[in-house]
Amino acid sequence: MNDLDIPIFKKTYDLYKEFSTLRSTVPKKDRYTIWQSCEKYILEMMECILTASQLQKSMKLPILEKASLKLNMARTFVRLMKDTKALDSKRYLAFQASLDEIGRMLGGWIRSTKT
């Protein structure tokens, strides 16, 4: 199985693709602060997921926990973007749903790694 075929990686990849389309719609004052920080966390989460997929089970847990931290930071920044009106409610709900699904997948992966 190709690492890029892992469902959680595909979901995170698609999230980033969708998020990147916002760049031009985000107000300039927010583009280089909140938006850029959120983009960084999504990319770092994707990097952690891909890294963990290539490690032995005994080495995955710290990387998956780091991915979980990046996910929580991305959630916070997406919420902040909505609260500061840099992101409309409809897009916020779509991103939040994707982040929640990634969170469930990541939580399951972390639980299976601990056993």
N, C-alpha and C. Protein backbone atom coordinates (compact mmCIF):
# COMPACT_ATOMS: atom_id res chain seq x y z
N MET A 1 0.84 -1.19 0.00
CA MET A 1 0.00 0.00 0.00
C MET A 1 0.89 1.25 0.00
N ASN A 2 0.56 2.15 -0.87
CA ASN A 2 1.27 3.42 -0.96
C ASN A 2 0.91 4.28 0.24
N ASP A 3 1.89 4.96 0.84
CA ASP A 3 1.64 5.81 2.01
C ASP A 3 0.62 6.90 1.70
N LEU A 4 0.56 7.33 0.45
CA LEU A 4 -0.37 8.39 0.08
C LEU A 4 -1.81 7.88 -0.01
N ASP A 5 -2.00 6.56 0.06
CA ASP A 5 -3.34 5.97 0.01
C ASP A 5 -3.96 5.81 1.39
N ILE A 6 -3.23 6.13 2.44
CA ILE A 6 -3.75 6.00 3.80
C ILE A 6 -4.90 6.99 3.95
N PRO A 7 -6.08 6.52 4.39
CA PRO A 7 -7.25 7.40 4.47
C PRO A 7 -7.03 8.70 5.25
N ILE A 8 -6.36 8.64 6.40
CA ILE A 8 -6.15 9.85 7.18
C ILE A 8 -5.23 10.83 6.44
N PHE A 9 -4.27 10.31 5.70
CA PHE A 9 -3.39 11.19 4.93
C PHE A 9 -4.19 11.84 3.80
N LYS A 10 -5.01 11.05 3.11
CA LYS A 10 -5.83 11.60 2.02
C LYS A 10 -6.76 12.69 2.53
N LYS A 11 -7.35 12.44 3.70
CA LYS A 11 -8.27 13.42 4.29
C LYS A 11 -7.53 14.72 4.64
N THR A 12 -6.34 14.61 5.19
CA THR A 12 -5.54 15.77 5.56
C THR A 12 -5.07 16.51 4.30
N TYR A 13 -4.68 15.75 3.30
CA TYR A 13 -4.24 16.31 2.02
C TYR A 13 -5.37 17.12 1.39
N ASP A 14 -6.56 16.53 1.37
CA ASP A 14 -7.73 17.22 0.81
C ASP A 14 -8.09 18.47 1.61
N LEU A 15 -7.95 18.38 2.93
CA LEU A 15 -8.19 19.54 3.78
C LEU A 15 -7.25 20.68 3.39
N TYR A 16 -5.99 20.36 3.21
CA TYR A 16 -5.04 21.41 2.83
C TYR A 16 -5.37 21.99 1.47
N LYS A 17 -5.71 21.13 0.50
CA LYS A 17 -6.05 21.63 -0.83
C LYS A 17 -7.21 22.62 -0.74
N GLU A 18 -8.23 22.26 0.03
CA GLU A 18 -9.39 23.15 0.20
C GLU A 18 -8.98 24.43 0.94
N PHE A 19 -8.18 24.29 1.97
CA PHE A 19 -7.74 25.44 2.76
C PHE A 19 -6.92 26.41 1.91
N SER A 20 -6.09 25.86 1.03
CA SER A 20 -5.22 26.72 0.20
C SER A 20 -6.01 27.58 -0.77
N THR A 21 -7.22 27.15 -1.13
CA THR A 21 -8.04 27.96 -2.04
C THR A 21 -8.53 29.24 -1.37
N LEU A 22 -8.45 29.31 -0.06
CA LEU A 22 -8.92 30.49 0.68
C LEU A 22 -7.95 31.65 0.63
N ARG A 23 -6.71 31.39 0.33
CA ARG A 23 -5.67 32.43 0.45
C ARG A 23 -6.14 33.77 -0.11
N SER A 24 -6.68 33.77 -1.31
CA SER A 24 -7.05 35.05 -1.94
C SER A 24 -8.31 35.66 -1.33
N THR A 25 -9.11 34.88 -0.62
CA THR A 25 -10.35 35.41 -0.03
C THR A 25 -10.16 35.92 1.39
N VAL A 26 -9.05 35.55 2.01
CA VAL A 26 -8.78 35.98 3.38
C VAL A 26 -8.29 37.43 3.34
N PRO A 27 -8.84 38.28 4.19
CA PRO A 27 -8.38 39.68 4.21
C PRO A 27 -6.86 39.75 4.41
N LYS A 28 -6.24 40.70 3.74
CA LYS A 28 -4.78 40.81 3.75
C LYS A 28 -4.23 40.89 5.18
N LYS A 29 -4.93 41.59 6.06
CA LYS A 29 -4.47 41.74 7.44
C LYS A 29 -4.40 40.40 8.17
N ASP A 30 -5.19 39.43 7.73
CA ASP A 30 -5.21 38.11 8.36
C ASP A 30 -4.39 37.07 7.61
N ARG A 31 -4.11 37.35 6.36
CA ARG A 31 -3.45 36.36 5.50
C ARG A 31 -2.06 35.98 6.00
N TYR A 32 -1.34 36.91 6.55
CA TYR A 32 0.04 36.63 6.97
C TYR A 32 0.16 36.42 8.47
N THR A 33 -0.96 36.28 9.11
CA THR A 33 -0.95 36.00 10.56
C THR A 33 -1.74 34.72 10.82
N ILE A 34 -3.03 34.87 11.07
CA ILE A 34 -3.87 33.72 11.42
C ILE A 34 -3.88 32.67 10.33
N TRP A 35 -4.12 33.08 9.08
CA TRP A 35 -4.23 32.12 7.98
C TRP A 35 -2.92 31.36 7.80
N GLN A 36 -1.81 32.09 7.81
CA GLN A 36 -0.51 31.45 7.60
C GLN A 36 -0.16 30.49 8.74
N SER A 37 -0.52 30.86 9.97
CA SER A 37 -0.28 29.97 11.11
C SER A 37 -1.10 28.69 10.98
N CYS A 38 -2.34 28.84 10.59
CA CYS A 38 -3.21 27.67 10.43
C CYS A 38 -2.68 26.77 9.31
N GLU A 39 -2.26 27.37 8.22
CA GLU A 39 -1.69 26.62 7.10
C GLU A 39 -0.48 25.81 7.58
N LYS A 40 0.37 26.45 8.39
CA LYS A 40 1.57 25.78 8.91
C LYS A 40 1.20 24.56 9.74
N TYR A 41 0.18 24.68 10.60
CA TYR A 41 -0.22 23.55 11.44
C TYR A 41 -0.81 22.41 10.61
N ILE A 42 -1.56 22.73 9.58
CA ILE A 42 -2.12 21.67 8.72
C ILE A 42 -0.98 20.94 8.01
N LEU A 43 -0.01 21.69 7.49
CA LEU A 43 1.13 21.05 6.80
C LEU A 43 1.97 20.21 7.76
N GLU A 44 2.19 20.71 8.98
CA GLU A 44 2.96 19.95 9.96
C GLU A 44 2.21 18.68 10.38
N MET A 45 0.89 18.78 10.49
CA MET A 45 0.09 17.60 10.82
C MET A 45 0.21 16.56 9.71
N MET A 46 0.16 17.01 8.47
CA MET A 46 0.29 16.11 7.33
C MET A 46 1.68 15.44 7.34
N GLU A 47 2.69 16.22 7.66
CA GLU A 47 4.05 15.69 7.74
C GLU A 47 4.15 14.62 8.83
N CYS A 48 3.57 14.86 9.99
CA CYS A 48 3.60 13.88 11.08
C CYS A 48 2.88 12.59 10.69
N ILE A 49 1.74 12.72 10.04
CA ILE A 49 0.97 11.55 9.62
C ILE A 49 1.78 10.71 8.64
N LEU A 50 2.40 11.37 7.68
CA LEU A 50 3.20 10.65 6.69
C LEU A 50 4.42 10.00 7.35
N THR A 51 5.05 10.72 8.27
CA THR A 51 6.20 10.17 8.99
C THR A 51 5.79 8.94 9.79
N ALA A 52 4.70 9.06 10.55
CA ALA A 52 4.24 7.94 11.38
C ALA A 52 3.90 6.71 10.54
N SER A 53 3.39 6.95 9.34
CA SER A 53 3.00 5.82 8.49
C SER A 53 4.21 4.99 8.06
N GLN A 54 5.39 5.57 8.14
CA GLN A 54 6.59 4.88 7.68
C GLN A 54 7.44 4.33 8.82
N LEU A 55 6.98 4.51 10.06
CA LEU A 55 7.74 4.03 11.21
C LEU A 55 7.21 2.70 11.73
N GLN A 56 8.05 2.01 12.49
CA GLN A 56 7.61 0.79 13.16
C GLN A 56 6.60 1.18 14.24
N LYS A 57 5.71 0.26 14.56
CA LYS A 57 4.64 0.55 15.52
C LYS A 57 5.18 1.12 16.83
N SER A 58 6.28 0.62 17.31
CA SER A 58 6.83 1.06 18.59
C SER A 58 7.31 2.52 18.56
N MET A 59 7.52 3.06 17.37
CA MET A 59 8.04 4.43 17.25
C MET A 59 6.97 5.44 16.83
N LYS A 60 5.77 4.97 16.54
CA LYS A 60 4.72 5.83 16.01
C LYS A 60 4.11 6.79 17.03
N LEU A 61 3.94 6.32 18.27
CA LEU A 61 3.15 7.07 19.25
C LEU A 61 3.59 8.53 19.44
N PRO A 62 4.88 8.83 19.65
CA PRO A 62 5.26 10.24 19.85
C PRO A 62 4.92 11.11 18.63
N ILE A 63 5.06 10.56 17.45
CA ILE A 63 4.78 11.32 16.22
C ILE A 63 3.27 11.54 16.08
N LEU A 64 2.49 10.52 16.39
CA LEU A 64 1.03 10.65 16.32
C LEU A 64 0.52 11.66 17.36
N GLU A 65 1.13 11.66 18.53
CA GLU A 65 0.74 12.63 19.56
C GLU A 65 1.11 14.05 19.13
N LYS A 66 2.21 14.19 18.42
CA LYS A 66 2.59 15.49 17.89
C LYS A 66 1.58 15.92 16.81
N ALA A 67 1.15 14.97 15.98
CA ALA A 67 0.13 15.27 14.96
C ALA A 67 -1.16 15.72 15.64
N SER A 68 -1.51 15.09 16.76
CA SER A 68 -2.72 15.46 17.49
C SER A 68 -2.61 16.88 18.03
N LEU A 69 -1.46 17.26 18.51
CA LEU A 69 -1.23 18.63 18.98
C LEU A 69 -1.39 19.62 17.82
N LYS A 70 -0.82 19.29 16.66
CA LYS A 70 -0.94 20.16 15.49
C LYS A 70 -2.40 20.28 15.05
N LEU A 71 -3.13 19.18 15.14
CA LEU A 71 -4.56 19.20 14.81
C LEU A 71 -5.31 20.15 15.74
N ASN A 72 -5.03 20.08 17.04
CA ASN A 72 -5.71 20.96 18.00
C ASN A 72 -5.36 22.42 17.76
N MET A 73 -4.13 22.68 17.37
CA MET A 73 -3.74 24.06 17.05
C MET A 73 -4.48 24.54 15.80
N ALA A 74 -4.56 23.68 14.78
CA ALA A 74 -5.28 24.04 13.56
C ALA A 74 -6.75 24.32 13.87
N ARG A 75 -7.36 23.48 14.71
CA ARG A 75 -8.76 23.71 15.13
C ARG A 75 -8.92 25.09 15.77
N THR A 76 -8.00 25.42 16.66
CA THR A 76 -8.04 26.70 17.36
C THR A 76 -7.93 27.86 16.38
N PHE A 77 -7.01 27.76 15.44
CA PHE A 77 -6.81 28.84 14.48
C PHE A 77 -7.98 28.96 13.51
N VAL A 78 -8.58 27.85 13.12
CA VAL A 78 -9.76 27.92 12.25
C VAL A 78 -10.90 28.61 13.00
N ARG A 79 -11.08 28.27 14.26
CA ARG A 79 -12.12 28.93 15.07
C ARG A 79 -11.82 30.42 15.22
N LEU A 80 -10.56 30.76 15.43
CA LEU A 80 -10.16 32.16 15.55
C LEU A 80 -10.43 32.91 14.23
N MET A 81 -10.18 32.24 13.11
CA MET A 81 -10.47 32.86 11.81
C MET A 81 -11.96 33.16 11.67
N LYS A 82 -12.80 32.25 12.14
CA LYS A 82 -14.25 32.50 12.09
C LYS A 82 -14.61 33.66 13.02
N ASP A 83 -14.08 33.65 14.22
CA ASP A 83 -14.42 34.68 15.21
C ASP A 83 -13.95 36.07 14.81
N THR A 84 -12.89 36.14 14.01
CA THR A 84 -12.38 37.44 13.56
C THR A 84 -12.90 37.79 12.16
N LYS A 85 -13.82 36.98 11.67
CA LYS A 85 -14.47 37.21 10.36
C LYS A 85 -13.51 37.04 9.17
N ALA A 86 -12.40 36.36 9.38
CA ALA A 86 -11.50 36.06 8.27
C ALA A 86 -12.01 34.85 7.49
N LEU A 87 -12.98 34.15 8.06
CA LEU A 87 -13.56 32.94 7.47
C LEU A 87 -15.06 32.97 7.73
N ASP A 88 -15.85 32.73 6.68
CA ASP A 88 -17.31 32.75 6.89
C ASP A 88 -17.78 31.47 7.56
N SER A 89 -18.97 31.53 8.12
CA SER A 89 -19.50 30.41 8.92
C SER A 89 -19.64 29.12 8.12
N LYS A 90 -20.05 29.23 6.87
CA LYS A 90 -20.24 28.03 6.03
C LYS A 90 -18.91 27.29 5.84
N ARG A 91 -17.87 28.03 5.51
CA ARG A 91 -16.55 27.40 5.33
C ARG A 91 -16.01 26.90 6.66
N TYR A 92 -16.26 27.66 7.72
CA TYR A 92 -15.83 27.24 9.05
C TYR A 92 -16.41 25.86 9.39
N LEU A 93 -17.72 25.70 9.16
CA LEU A 93 -18.37 24.42 9.48
C LEU A 93 -17.79 23.28 8.65
N ALA A 94 -17.48 23.54 7.40
CA ALA A 94 -16.88 22.51 6.54
C ALA A 94 -15.49 22.12 7.03
N PHE A 95 -14.67 23.12 7.37
CA PHE A 95 -13.33 22.83 7.88
C PHE A 95 -13.39 22.13 9.22
N GLN A 96 -14.30 22.57 10.08
CA GLN A 96 -14.43 21.96 11.40
C GLN A 96 -14.84 20.49 11.27
N ALA A 97 -15.74 20.20 10.32
CA ALA A 97 -16.17 18.81 10.10
C ALA A 97 -14.99 17.96 9.63
N SER A 98 -14.18 18.50 8.73
CA SER A 98 -13.00 17.76 8.26
C SER A 98 -12.00 17.54 9.38
N LEU A 99 -11.76 18.58 10.17
CA LEU A 99 -10.83 18.46 11.29
C LEU A 99 -11.33 17.45 12.32
N ASP A 100 -12.65 17.44 12.56
CA ASP A 100 -13.22 16.46 13.49
C ASP A 100 -13.04 15.04 12.98
N GLU A 101 -13.25 14.84 11.69
CA GLU A 101 -13.08 13.50 11.11
C GLU A 101 -11.62 13.05 11.20
N ILE A 102 -10.70 13.96 10.89
CA ILE A 102 -9.27 13.65 11.01
C ILE A 102 -8.94 13.32 12.46
N GLY A 103 -9.53 14.07 13.39
CA GLY A 103 -9.31 13.82 14.82
C GLY A 103 -9.77 12.44 15.24
N ARG A 104 -10.92 12.02 14.75
CA ARG A 104 -11.42 10.67 15.08
C ARG A 104 -10.49 9.60 14.51
N MET A 105 -10.05 9.81 13.29
CA MET A 105 -9.14 8.84 12.66
C MET A 105 -7.81 8.79 13.42
N LEU A 106 -7.30 9.96 13.77
CA LEU A 106 -6.04 10.05 14.49
C LEU A 106 -6.17 9.42 15.88
N GLY A 107 -7.27 9.68 16.56
CA GLY A 107 -7.50 9.07 17.87
C GLY A 107 -7.53 7.56 17.80
N GLY A 108 -8.18 7.03 16.78
CA GLY A 108 -8.21 5.57 16.59
C GLY A 108 -6.84 5.01 16.34
N TRP A 109 -6.05 5.71 15.56
CA TRP A 109 -4.69 5.27 15.24
C TRP A 109 -3.83 5.29 16.50
N ILE A 110 -3.99 6.34 17.30
CA ILE A 110 -3.22 6.43 18.56
C ILE A 110 -3.62 5.30 19.50
N ARG A 111 -4.93 5.03 19.63
CA ARG A 111 -5.38 3.93 20.50
C ARG A 111 -4.85 2.58 20.03
N SER A 112 -4.86 2.35 18.72
CA SER A 112 -4.38 1.06 18.21
C SER A 112 -2.87 0.93 18.36
N THR A 113 -2.17 2.04 18.40
CA THR A 113 -0.71 2.02 18.58
C THR A 113 -0.34 1.71 20.01
N LYS A 114 -1.21 2.11 20.96
CA LYS A 114 -0.92 1.88 22.37
C LYS A 114 -1.12 0.43 22.80
N THR A 115 -1.86 -0.35 22.01
CA THR A 115 -2.13 -1.75 22.40
C THR A 115 -1.08 -2.69 21.89
